[in-house]
Amino acid sequence: MEAGIGTLTRLADERVDAVLVVVEPTPKSIEVGQRAAELARDKQLGRLIIVASRVRNEADLATLTAAFEGQEIFAIPDDPAIVEADRKGVAALDLAPDSPAVEALCRLARSLLPVPA
């Protein structure tokens, strides 16, 4: 989906399984992410997950954790394998399945699967 909160503003009373708000540890990204998270909470759309992208160190993670206090956060580390895959036009999962970012994204994907009854 596109960056920003436009998609969330257009949802009426629909419910979704999860709303993923992807943010980077930059002031502008955090500002937009906070608006998106607030809108998703206000509309009670579904499970809200903050995806902390391009996390370089503990300070980045601490900044995002403080900005989204009490929210479920998945940290995706800044990983050169992602950039390399993009440049080659291939999926990072195919190029570097054991890279830290791919492993983190796989954990996120598994967390979205329904729990077996």
N, C-alpha and C. Protein backbone atom coordinates (compact mmCIF):
# COMPACT_ATOMS: atom_id res chain seq x y z
N MET A 1 0.84 -1.17 0.00
CA MET A 1 0.00 0.00 0.00
C MET A 1 0.89 1.25 0.00
N GLU A 2 0.28 2.36 -0.30
CA GLU A 2 1.05 3.60 -0.36
C GLU A 2 1.41 4.10 1.03
N ALA A 3 2.43 4.93 1.08
CA ALA A 3 2.83 5.54 2.34
C ALA A 3 1.79 6.55 2.77
N GLY A 4 1.66 6.75 4.05
CA GLY A 4 0.73 7.72 4.58
C GLY A 4 -0.50 7.05 5.17
N ILE A 5 -1.49 7.87 5.48
CA ILE A 5 -2.67 7.35 6.18
C ILE A 5 -3.92 7.33 5.31
N GLY A 6 -3.77 7.61 4.02
CA GLY A 6 -4.93 7.67 3.13
C GLY A 6 -5.78 6.41 3.14
N THR A 7 -5.14 5.26 3.10
CA THR A 7 -5.89 4.00 3.09
C THR A 7 -6.73 3.86 4.35
N LEU A 8 -6.17 4.21 5.48
CA LEU A 8 -6.90 4.09 6.75
C LEU A 8 -8.09 5.05 6.80
N THR A 9 -7.92 6.24 6.24
CA THR A 9 -9.02 7.21 6.28
C THR A 9 -10.18 6.77 5.41
N ARG A 10 -9.91 5.98 4.38
CA ARG A 10 -10.98 5.54 3.48
C ARG A 10 -11.72 4.31 3.99
N LEU A 11 -11.19 3.62 4.97
CA LEU A 11 -11.90 2.47 5.53
C LEU A 11 -13.05 2.98 6.39
N ALA A 12 -14.23 2.47 6.15
CA ALA A 12 -15.39 2.89 6.93
C ALA A 12 -15.46 2.04 8.19
N ASP A 13 -16.39 1.11 8.21
CA ASP A 13 -16.55 0.25 9.37
C ASP A 13 -15.97 -1.14 9.14
N GLU A 14 -15.11 -1.25 8.13
CA GLU A 14 -14.53 -2.55 7.84
C GLU A 14 -13.58 -2.96 8.96
N ARG A 15 -13.48 -4.25 9.16
CA ARG A 15 -12.50 -4.80 10.10
C ARG A 15 -11.50 -5.59 9.29
N VAL A 16 -10.29 -5.62 9.76
CA VAL A 16 -9.23 -6.38 9.13
C VAL A 16 -8.58 -7.24 10.20
N ASP A 17 -7.86 -8.26 9.76
CA ASP A 17 -7.18 -9.10 10.74
C ASP A 17 -6.08 -8.34 11.46
N ALA A 18 -5.35 -7.53 10.71
CA ALA A 18 -4.25 -6.77 11.32
C ALA A 18 -3.96 -5.53 10.50
N VAL A 19 -3.55 -4.50 11.20
CA VAL A 19 -3.08 -3.27 10.57
C VAL A 19 -1.59 -3.18 10.87
N LEU A 20 -0.78 -3.18 9.82
CA LEU A 20 0.66 -3.05 9.98
C LEU A 20 1.04 -1.61 9.68
N VAL A 21 1.61 -0.94 10.65
CA VAL A 21 2.09 0.42 10.47
C VAL A 21 3.60 0.33 10.41
N VAL A 22 4.16 0.58 9.24
CA VAL A 22 5.60 0.46 9.03
C VAL A 22 6.24 1.83 9.25
N VAL A 23 7.21 1.86 10.17
CA VAL A 23 7.89 3.11 10.48
C VAL A 23 9.39 2.88 10.48
N GLU A 24 10.11 3.95 10.19
CA GLU A 24 11.56 3.95 10.32
C GLU A 24 11.90 4.87 11.48
N PRO A 25 13.09 4.73 12.03
CA PRO A 25 13.45 5.55 13.19
C PRO A 25 13.86 6.98 12.81
N THR A 26 12.96 7.67 12.13
CA THR A 26 13.18 9.07 11.76
C THR A 26 11.99 9.88 12.27
N PRO A 27 12.19 11.14 12.58
CA PRO A 27 11.08 11.94 13.12
C PRO A 27 9.85 11.98 12.22
N LYS A 28 10.01 12.20 10.93
CA LYS A 28 8.85 12.28 10.02
C LYS A 28 8.11 10.95 9.95
N SER A 29 8.85 9.86 9.84
CA SER A 29 8.23 8.54 9.78
C SER A 29 7.46 8.25 11.07
N ILE A 30 8.05 8.59 12.19
CA ILE A 30 7.38 8.37 13.48
C ILE A 30 6.11 9.21 13.57
N GLU A 31 6.18 10.46 13.12
CA GLU A 31 5.00 11.33 13.17
C GLU A 31 3.85 10.75 12.35
N VAL A 32 4.12 10.35 11.13
CA VAL A 32 3.08 9.76 10.27
C VAL A 32 2.60 8.44 10.87
N GLY A 33 3.53 7.64 11.36
CA GLY A 33 3.17 6.36 11.97
C GLY A 33 2.28 6.52 13.19
N GLN A 34 2.55 7.52 14.00
CA GLN A 34 1.70 7.76 15.17
C GLN A 34 0.29 8.16 14.76
N ARG A 35 0.18 8.97 13.71
CA ARG A 35 -1.16 9.34 13.22
C ARG A 35 -1.89 8.11 12.69
N ALA A 36 -1.18 7.27 11.97
CA ALA A 36 -1.79 6.05 11.43
C ALA A 36 -2.22 5.12 12.55
N ALA A 37 -1.37 4.94 13.54
CA ALA A 37 -1.69 4.06 14.67
C ALA A 37 -2.90 4.58 15.44
N GLU A 38 -2.95 5.89 15.65
CA GLU A 38 -4.08 6.48 16.36
C GLU A 38 -5.38 6.28 15.58
N LEU A 39 -5.32 6.46 14.29
CA LEU A 39 -6.50 6.28 13.44
C LEU A 39 -6.97 4.82 13.48
N ALA A 40 -6.02 3.89 13.39
CA ALA A 40 -6.37 2.46 13.43
C ALA A 40 -7.00 2.10 14.78
N ARG A 41 -6.46 2.66 15.86
CA ARG A 41 -7.03 2.40 17.19
C ARG A 41 -8.43 3.02 17.30
N ASP A 42 -8.56 4.27 16.86
CA ASP A 42 -9.86 4.95 16.95
C ASP A 42 -10.94 4.22 16.17
N LYS A 43 -10.58 3.70 15.01
CA LYS A 43 -11.55 2.99 14.17
C LYS A 43 -11.71 1.53 14.59
N GLN A 44 -10.89 1.08 15.53
CA GLN A 44 -10.93 -0.30 16.01
C GLN A 44 -10.94 -1.29 14.85
N LEU A 45 -9.95 -1.10 13.98
CA LEU A 45 -9.90 -1.89 12.75
C LEU A 45 -9.48 -3.33 12.97
N GLY A 46 -8.66 -3.58 13.95
CA GLY A 46 -8.14 -4.92 14.19
C GLY A 46 -6.82 -4.82 14.93
N ARG A 47 -6.13 -5.92 15.00
CA ARG A 47 -4.84 -5.98 15.68
C ARG A 47 -3.88 -4.95 15.05
N LEU A 48 -3.26 -4.16 15.90
CA LEU A 48 -2.33 -3.13 15.45
C LEU A 48 -0.90 -3.57 15.73
N ILE A 49 -0.10 -3.61 14.68
CA ILE A 49 1.31 -4.00 14.82
C ILE A 49 2.16 -2.89 14.22
N ILE A 50 3.13 -2.45 15.00
CA ILE A 50 4.09 -1.47 14.52
C ILE A 50 5.29 -2.25 13.99
N VAL A 51 5.60 -2.06 12.72
CA VAL A 51 6.75 -2.71 12.10
C VAL A 51 7.87 -1.68 12.06
N ALA A 52 8.85 -1.87 12.91
CA ALA A 52 9.98 -0.95 13.01
C ALA A 52 11.02 -1.38 11.98
N SER A 53 11.07 -0.66 10.88
CA SER A 53 11.92 -1.03 9.75
C SER A 53 13.25 -0.29 9.80
N ARG A 54 14.27 -0.95 9.28
CA ARG A 54 15.61 -0.37 9.16
C ARG A 54 16.19 0.04 10.51
N VAL A 55 15.98 -0.82 11.51
CA VAL A 55 16.51 -0.58 12.85
C VAL A 55 18.00 -0.91 12.84
N ARG A 56 18.83 0.09 13.14
CA ARG A 56 20.28 -0.09 13.08
C ARG A 56 20.91 -0.48 14.40
N ASN A 57 20.27 -0.09 15.51
CA ASN A 57 20.88 -0.35 16.81
C ASN A 57 19.82 -0.25 17.91
N GLU A 58 20.26 -0.46 19.14
CA GLU A 58 19.33 -0.41 20.27
C GLU A 58 18.72 0.98 20.45
N ALA A 59 19.49 2.02 20.12
CA ALA A 59 18.96 3.39 20.25
C ALA A 59 17.78 3.60 19.30
N ASP A 60 17.89 3.10 18.07
CA ASP A 60 16.77 3.19 17.12
C ASP A 60 15.53 2.49 17.69
N LEU A 61 15.74 1.28 18.20
CA LEU A 61 14.62 0.51 18.74
C LEU A 61 14.02 1.22 19.95
N ALA A 62 14.86 1.79 20.80
CA ALA A 62 14.38 2.50 21.99
C ALA A 62 13.54 3.72 21.57
N THR A 63 13.98 4.43 20.55
CA THR A 63 13.23 5.58 20.05
C THR A 63 11.84 5.17 19.59
N LEU A 64 11.77 4.08 18.82
CA LEU A 64 10.48 3.63 18.30
C LEU A 64 9.60 3.05 19.41
N THR A 65 10.20 2.34 20.33
CA THR A 65 9.44 1.78 21.45
C THR A 65 8.83 2.90 22.29
N ALA A 66 9.60 3.96 22.52
CA ALA A 66 9.08 5.09 23.29
C ALA A 66 7.96 5.81 22.52
N ALA A 67 8.11 5.92 21.22
CA ALA A 67 7.11 6.62 20.40
C ALA A 67 5.81 5.84 20.30
N PHE A 68 5.89 4.52 20.41
CA PHE A 68 4.70 3.66 20.27
C PHE A 68 4.52 2.82 21.53
N GLU A 69 4.60 3.49 22.65
CA GLU A 69 4.52 2.83 23.95
C GLU A 69 3.26 1.99 24.08
N GLY A 70 3.44 0.77 24.53
CA GLY A 70 2.32 -0.13 24.74
C GLY A 70 1.85 -0.86 23.50
N GLN A 71 2.43 -0.57 22.35
CA GLN A 71 2.02 -1.22 21.10
C GLN A 71 2.90 -2.44 20.82
N GLU A 72 2.33 -3.37 20.12
CA GLU A 72 3.09 -4.53 19.65
C GLU A 72 4.05 -4.05 18.57
N ILE A 73 5.33 -4.34 18.76
CA ILE A 73 6.36 -3.86 17.81
C ILE A 73 7.18 -5.04 17.32
N PHE A 74 7.37 -5.09 16.00
CA PHE A 74 8.29 -6.05 15.38
C PHE A 74 9.44 -5.26 14.79
N ALA A 75 10.64 -5.55 15.22
CA ALA A 75 11.81 -4.84 14.70
C ALA A 75 12.41 -5.60 13.53
N ILE A 76 12.63 -4.88 12.45
CA ILE A 76 13.29 -5.43 11.26
C ILE A 76 14.63 -4.70 11.13
N PRO A 77 15.74 -5.42 11.27
CA PRO A 77 17.02 -4.72 11.23
C PRO A 77 17.36 -4.19 9.85
N ASP A 78 18.11 -3.10 9.84
CA ASP A 78 18.65 -2.57 8.59
C ASP A 78 19.61 -3.65 8.07
N ASP A 79 19.43 -4.06 6.85
CA ASP A 79 20.16 -5.23 6.35
C ASP A 79 20.54 -5.00 4.88
N PRO A 80 21.84 -5.02 4.59
CA PRO A 80 22.26 -4.82 3.21
C PRO A 80 21.70 -5.86 2.24
N ALA A 81 21.31 -7.02 2.73
CA ALA A 81 20.75 -8.05 1.85
C ALA A 81 19.44 -7.59 1.21
N ILE A 82 18.70 -6.77 1.90
CA ILE A 82 17.43 -6.26 1.35
C ILE A 82 17.72 -5.32 0.17
N VAL A 83 18.69 -4.44 0.37
CA VAL A 83 19.07 -3.51 -0.70
C VAL A 83 19.62 -4.27 -1.90
N GLU A 84 20.45 -5.26 -1.63
CA GLU A 84 21.03 -6.05 -2.73
C GLU A 84 19.95 -6.79 -3.51
N ALA A 85 19.01 -7.38 -2.81
CA ALA A 85 17.92 -8.09 -3.49
C ALA A 85 17.11 -7.12 -4.35
N ASP A 86 16.84 -5.94 -3.81
CA ASP A 86 16.08 -4.94 -4.57
C ASP A 86 16.84 -4.54 -5.83
N ARG A 87 18.12 -4.34 -5.72
CA ARG A 87 18.92 -3.96 -6.90
C ARG A 87 18.93 -5.05 -7.95
N LYS A 88 18.89 -6.30 -7.51
CA LYS A 88 18.90 -7.43 -8.44
C LYS A 88 17.51 -7.79 -8.92
N GLY A 89 16.49 -7.17 -8.34
CA GLY A 89 15.12 -7.44 -8.76
C GLY A 89 14.62 -8.81 -8.33
N VAL A 90 15.13 -9.30 -7.20
CA VAL A 90 14.70 -10.60 -6.70
C VAL A 90 14.20 -10.45 -5.27
N ALA A 91 13.51 -11.44 -4.80
CA ALA A 91 13.02 -11.43 -3.42
C ALA A 91 14.19 -11.66 -2.47
N ALA A 92 14.21 -10.91 -1.39
CA ALA A 92 15.26 -11.09 -0.38
C ALA A 92 15.21 -12.50 0.19
N LEU A 93 14.04 -13.07 0.28
CA LEU A 93 13.89 -14.44 0.78
C LEU A 93 14.64 -15.43 -0.10
N ASP A 94 14.65 -15.18 -1.41
CA ASP A 94 15.37 -16.07 -2.33
C ASP A 94 16.87 -15.79 -2.33
N LEU A 95 17.25 -14.53 -2.22
CA LEU A 95 18.66 -14.16 -2.28
C LEU A 95 19.41 -14.48 -0.99
N ALA A 96 18.79 -14.17 0.13
CA ALA A 96 19.49 -14.31 1.42
C ALA A 96 18.51 -14.75 2.50
N PRO A 97 18.05 -16.00 2.43
CA PRO A 97 17.02 -16.45 3.38
C PRO A 97 17.46 -16.44 4.84
N ASP A 98 18.77 -16.44 5.08
CA ASP A 98 19.26 -16.45 6.46
C ASP A 98 19.67 -15.06 6.95
N SER A 99 19.40 -14.03 6.16
CA SER A 99 19.79 -12.68 6.59
C SER A 99 18.91 -12.25 7.76
N PRO A 100 19.43 -11.37 8.61
CA PRO A 100 18.66 -10.94 9.78
C PRO A 100 17.30 -10.33 9.45
N ALA A 101 17.23 -9.51 8.43
CA ALA A 101 15.95 -8.89 8.08
C ALA A 101 14.95 -9.93 7.57
N VAL A 102 15.40 -10.85 6.74
CA VAL A 102 14.50 -11.88 6.23
C VAL A 102 14.00 -12.75 7.38
N GLU A 103 14.86 -13.11 8.28
CA GLU A 103 14.43 -13.91 9.43
C GLU A 103 13.40 -13.16 10.27
N ALA A 104 13.61 -11.85 10.47
CA ALA A 104 12.66 -11.05 11.24
C ALA A 104 11.32 -10.95 10.51
N LEU A 105 11.36 -10.77 9.19
CA LEU A 105 10.13 -10.70 8.41
C LEU A 105 9.37 -12.03 8.43
N CYS A 106 10.10 -13.13 8.44
CA CYS A 106 9.45 -14.45 8.54
C CYS A 106 8.78 -14.61 9.90
N ARG A 107 9.42 -14.13 10.97
CA ARG A 107 8.79 -14.18 12.30
C ARG A 107 7.51 -13.35 12.30
N LEU A 108 7.57 -12.18 11.68
CA LEU A 108 6.38 -11.34 11.59
C LEU A 108 5.27 -12.07 10.83
N ALA A 109 5.60 -12.65 9.69
CA ALA A 109 4.61 -13.37 8.89
C ALA A 109 3.98 -14.52 9.69
N ARG A 110 4.81 -15.27 10.42
CA ARG A 110 4.28 -16.37 11.23
C ARG A 110 3.33 -15.85 12.32
N SER A 111 3.62 -14.67 12.85
CA SER A 111 2.77 -14.12 13.91
C SER A 111 1.39 -13.72 13.39
N LEU A 112 1.28 -13.56 12.08
CA LEU A 112 0.01 -13.17 11.47
C LEU A 112 -0.88 -14.36 11.14
N LEU A 113 -0.31 -15.55 11.19
CA LEU A 113 -1.09 -16.75 10.88
C LEU A 113 -2.09 -17.03 12.00
N PRO A 114 -3.26 -17.54 11.64
CA PRO A 114 -4.23 -17.88 12.68
C PRO A 114 -3.70 -18.99 13.58
N VAL A 115 -4.07 -18.92 14.83
CA VAL A 115 -3.67 -19.94 15.80
C VAL A 115 -4.57 -21.14 15.59
N PRO A 116 -3.97 -22.35 15.42
CA PRO A 116 -4.81 -23.54 15.22
C PRO A 116 -5.68 -23.81 16.43
N ALA A 117 -6.89 -24.25 16.18
CA ALA A 117 -7.83 -24.52 17.28
C ALA A 117 -7.51 -25.80 17.99
